[in-house]
Each structure stands twice: as C-alpha cells, then as structure tokens.
Amino acid sequence: MTELKIFIPEELKRKMEQLKVNWSKIIRDFIIKEIEELNNLKSIVSKSFLTEENALEFSKSVDESLANKFRELAQK
C-alpha cells in the first residue's frame, strides 16, 4: 500500500485526535466512493449529446425558470 500525505489545519487535527477513529480507513473509503461517483458521472457525460455550451444554456434557462417560480410564490 502507498502513502498519501495531506495538510490540514491544526484545529482540525486537534478535533480529529479527540475522536478515536481510524481516519485512514475513513479517508480511504471516501476516496473510493468519490472515484466511483466521478466515474459514473464521466460515463453519463460521455453518452450525452449536449455540448458544454448547450448544457450551460440549459442550466441558465432552468435557473431563470426556478427564480421566476420562487418570485411568484413569494408574492402570494
């Protein structure tokens, strides 16, 4: 197994030390989960017919639509 070095604030280190848990396992499991999720996302995106520009336009449209809906609800 290889070693990964990370830097964390001292306050976080103190909090971690107060909790007697296997941080190595927790971080390892988290990294495994993140890799799986990113690979799933990559798979979904690779099958998409949308260009990045199309996706941004769609996102902006959805944002505007939701904003309008919330404005309407707030006026009631």
C-alpha atoms as a PDB file:
ATOM      1  CA  MET A   1       0.000   0.000   0.000  1.00  0.00           C
ATOM      2  CA  THR A   2       1.198   3.506  -0.742  1.00  0.00           C
ATOM      3  CA  GLU A   3       1.108   6.566   1.478  1.00  0.00           C
ATOM      4  CA  LEU A   4      -0.730   9.838   0.821  1.00  0.00           C
ATOM      5  CA  LYS A   5       0.250  12.967   2.695  1.00  0.00           C
ATOM      6  CA  ILE A   6      -2.298  15.753   3.210  1.00  0.00           C
ATOM      7  CA  PHE A   7      -2.117  19.062   5.017  1.00  0.00           C
ATOM      8  CA  ILE A   8      -4.888  20.081   7.398  1.00  0.00           C
ATOM      9  CA  PRO A   9      -5.302  22.994   9.807  1.00  0.00           C
ATOM     10  CA  GLU A  10      -4.062  22.421  13.368  1.00  0.00           C
ATOM     11  CA  GLU A  11      -7.575  22.913  14.763  1.00  0.00           C
ATOM     12  CA  LEU A  12      -8.898  20.123  12.556  1.00  0.00           C
ATOM     13  CA  LYS A  13      -6.067  17.855  13.673  1.00  0.00           C
ATOM     14  CA  ARG A  14      -6.920  18.509  17.334  1.00  0.00           C
ATOM     15  CA  LYS A  15     -10.581  17.685  16.701  1.00  0.00           C
ATOM     16  CA  MET A  16      -9.622  14.501  14.875  1.00  0.00           C
ATOM     17  CA  GLU A  17      -7.374  13.411  17.727  1.00  0.00           C
ATOM     18  CA  GLN A  18     -10.233  13.794  20.203  1.00  0.00           C
ATOM     19  CA  LEU A  19     -12.202  11.206  18.254  1.00  0.00           C
ATOM     20  CA  LYS A  20     -10.524   7.850  18.437  1.00  0.00           C
ATOM     21  CA  VAL A  21     -11.376   6.591  14.967  1.00  0.00           C
ATOM     22  CA  ASN A  22      -9.450   5.054  12.086  1.00  0.00           C
ATOM     23  CA  TRP A  23      -9.093   8.172   9.937  1.00  0.00           C
ATOM     24  CA  SER A  24      -7.040   6.296   7.394  1.00  0.00           C
ATOM     25  CA  LYS A  25      -9.942   3.940   6.676  1.00  0.00           C
ATOM     26  CA  ILE A  26     -12.484   6.747   6.630  1.00  0.00           C
ATOM     27  CA  ILE A  27     -10.453   8.758   4.115  1.00  0.00           C
ATOM     28  CA  ARG A  28      -9.676   5.658   2.033  1.00  0.00           C
ATOM     29  CA  ASP A  29     -13.397   4.751   1.868  1.00  0.00           C
ATOM     30  CA  PHE A  30     -14.272   8.342   0.982  1.00  0.00           C
ATOM     31  CA  ILE A  31     -11.748   8.400  -1.868  1.00  0.00           C
ATOM     32  CA  ILE A  32     -13.064   5.085  -3.205  1.00  0.00           C
ATOM     33  CA  LYS A  33     -16.638   6.427  -3.149  1.00  0.00           C
ATOM     34  CA  GLU A  34     -15.639   9.684  -4.859  1.00  0.00           C
ATOM     35  CA  ILE A  35     -13.789   7.804  -7.609  1.00  0.00           C
ATOM     36  CA  GLU A  36     -16.859   5.627  -8.218  1.00  0.00           C
ATOM     37  CA  GLU A  37     -19.138   8.675  -8.385  1.00  0.00           C
ATOM     38  CA  LEU A  38     -16.796  10.549 -10.723  1.00  0.00           C
ATOM     39  CA  ASN A  39     -16.505   7.503 -12.986  1.00  0.00           C
ATOM     40  CA  ASN A  40     -20.307   7.202 -13.063  1.00  0.00           C
ATOM     41  CA  LEU A  41     -20.600  10.889 -13.926  1.00  0.00           C
ATOM     42  CA  LYS A  42     -17.941  10.512 -16.608  1.00  0.00           C
ATOM     43  CA  SER A  43     -19.891   7.602 -18.093  1.00  0.00           C
ATOM     44  CA  ILE A  44     -23.124   9.615 -18.146  1.00  0.00           C
ATOM     45  CA  VAL A  45     -21.445  12.645 -19.694  1.00  0.00           C
ATOM     46  CA  SER A  46     -19.738  10.549 -22.361  1.00  0.00           C
ATOM     47  CA  LYS A  47     -23.176   9.373 -23.563  1.00  0.00           C
ATOM     48  CA  SER A  48     -24.647  12.882 -23.629  1.00  0.00           C
ATOM     49  CA  PHE A  49     -25.488  14.593 -26.900  1.00  0.00           C
ATOM     50  CA  LEU A  50     -25.265  18.024 -25.280  1.00  0.00           C
ATOM     51  CA  THR A  51     -22.240  20.170 -25.847  1.00  0.00           C
ATOM     52  CA  GLU A  52     -20.831  22.085 -22.897  1.00  0.00           C
ATOM     53  CA  GLU A  53     -22.361  25.254 -24.359  1.00  0.00           C
ATOM     54  CA  ASN A  54     -25.786  23.553 -24.644  1.00  0.00           C
ATOM     55  CA  ALA A  55     -25.561  22.350 -21.051  1.00  0.00           C
ATOM     56  CA  LEU A  56     -24.710  25.854 -19.812  1.00  0.00           C
ATOM     57  CA  GLU A  57     -27.609  27.372 -21.763  1.00  0.00           C
ATOM     58  CA  PHE A  58     -29.980  24.728 -20.386  1.00  0.00           C
ATOM     59  CA  SER A  59     -28.707  25.337 -16.852  1.00  0.00           C
ATOM     60  CA  LYS A  60     -29.236  29.086 -17.212  1.00  0.00           C
ATOM     61  CA  SER A  61     -32.751  28.502 -18.511  1.00  0.00           C
ATOM     62  CA  VAL A  62     -33.616  26.229 -15.591  1.00  0.00           C
ATOM     63  CA  ASP A  63     -32.146  28.736 -13.123  1.00  0.00           C
ATOM     64  CA  GLU A  64     -34.240  31.556 -14.587  1.00  0.00           C
ATOM     65  CA  SER A  65     -37.370  29.400 -14.580  1.00  0.00           C
ATOM     66  CA  LEU A  66     -36.898  28.423 -10.932  1.00  0.00           C
ATOM     67  CA  ALA A  67     -36.173  32.026  -9.953  1.00  0.00           C
ATOM     68  CA  ASN A  68     -39.393  33.161 -11.622  1.00  0.00           C
ATOM     69  CA  LYS A  69     -41.373  30.408  -9.905  1.00  0.00           C
ATOM     70  CA  PHE A  70     -39.986  31.383  -6.485  1.00  0.00           C
ATOM     71  CA  ARG A  71     -40.753  35.060  -7.143  1.00  0.00           C
ATOM     72  CA  GLU A  72     -44.352  34.127  -7.952  1.00  0.00           C
ATOM     73  CA  LEU A  73     -44.638  32.067  -4.770  1.00  0.00           C
ATOM     74  CA  ALA A  74     -43.156  34.859  -2.690  1.00  0.00           C
ATOM     75  CA  GLN A  75     -45.755  37.324  -3.971  1.00  0.00           C
ATOM     76  CA  LYS A  76     -48.680  35.127  -2.869  1.00  0.00           C
END
